[in-house]
Protein backbone atom coordinates (compact mmCIF):
# COMPACT_ATOMS: atom_id res chain seq x y z
CA MET A 1 0.00 0.00 0.00
CA PHE A 2 1.30 3.46 -0.97
CA ILE A 3 0.70 6.94 0.44
CA ALA A 4 1.16 10.13 -1.63
CA VAL A 5 3.31 12.91 -0.14
CA ILE A 6 4.07 16.21 -1.91
CA LEU A 7 6.54 18.98 -1.10
CA ALA A 8 5.56 22.30 -2.73
CA CYS A 9 8.06 25.18 -2.69
CA ALA A 10 7.70 28.76 -3.90
CA LEU A 11 10.07 29.56 -6.77
CA HIS A 12 10.77 33.08 -5.52
CA GLN A 13 11.61 31.77 -2.01
CA PRO A 14 12.88 28.18 -2.28
CA ASN A 15 13.01 27.79 1.50
CA MET A 16 9.27 28.53 1.71
CA CYS A 17 7.82 25.03 1.39
CA ALA A 18 4.80 23.05 2.55
CA VAL A 19 4.28 19.29 2.86
CA PHE A 20 0.97 17.79 1.75
CA GLU A 21 -0.02 14.24 2.68
CA ASP A 22 -2.93 12.59 0.92
CA GLU A 23 -5.91 11.82 3.13
CA TYR A 24 -7.71 9.54 0.63
CA GLY A 25 -5.11 6.74 0.37
CA PRO A 26 -3.43 4.40 0.81
CA TYR A 27 -3.36 2.97 -2.71
CA ALA A 28 -2.79 -0.65 -3.70
CA THR A 29 -0.26 0.15 -6.45
CA LYS A 30 2.42 2.77 -7.03
CA SER A 31 0.68 3.65 -10.31
CA GLN A 32 -2.54 4.55 -8.47
CA CYS A 33 -0.51 6.63 -6.03
CA MET A 34 1.15 8.50 -8.91
CA GLU A 35 -2.28 9.29 -10.38
CA ARG A 36 -3.26 10.78 -7.04
CA VAL A 37 -0.03 12.84 -6.97
CA GLU A 38 -1.02 14.37 -10.32
CA GLU A 39 -4.49 15.25 -8.98
CA MET A 40 -3.02 16.76 -5.83
CA THR A 41 -0.48 18.94 -7.67
CA THR A 42 -3.28 20.35 -9.82
CA VAL A 43 -5.36 21.23 -6.75
CA ILE A 44 -2.38 22.70 -4.89
CA GLY A 45 -1.37 24.77 -7.95
CA ASN A 46 -4.90 26.17 -8.24
CA ALA A 47 -5.11 26.94 -4.51
CA PHE A 48 -1.74 28.72 -4.41
CA PRO A 49 -1.45 30.52 -7.76
CA PHE A 50 2.17 31.66 -7.48
CA PRO A 51 5.03 29.92 -9.32
CA GLN A 52 6.10 26.81 -7.45
CA THR A 53 7.93 23.52 -7.79
CA PHE A 54 6.74 20.14 -6.65
CA SER A 55 8.61 17.14 -5.34
CA TYR A 56 6.69 14.00 -4.57
CA LYS A 57 7.00 10.56 -3.15
CA CYS A 58 4.80 7.48 -2.96
CA THR A 59 5.89 5.90 0.28
CA LYS A 60 5.03 2.40 1.36
CA GLU A 61 2.62 2.44 4.27
CA GLY A 62 4.55 2.25 7.50
CA GLU A 63 7.74 3.90 6.12
CA SER A 64 8.73 7.24 7.57
CA THR A 65 8.44 10.23 5.20
């Protein structure tokens, strides 16, 4: 089982970042988790409309993030 985790950072201030953990998962496959990451980055980008970069990870349930 996989859990989606996203790190979003502002381009104009790279040390200004936020971590987002998915509340809908976990997902049976890494592929399903990656689909959720894509959905989440779209929502985050719309909610915070300034230029930003995203890093993501699909961690196995029980692993530390």
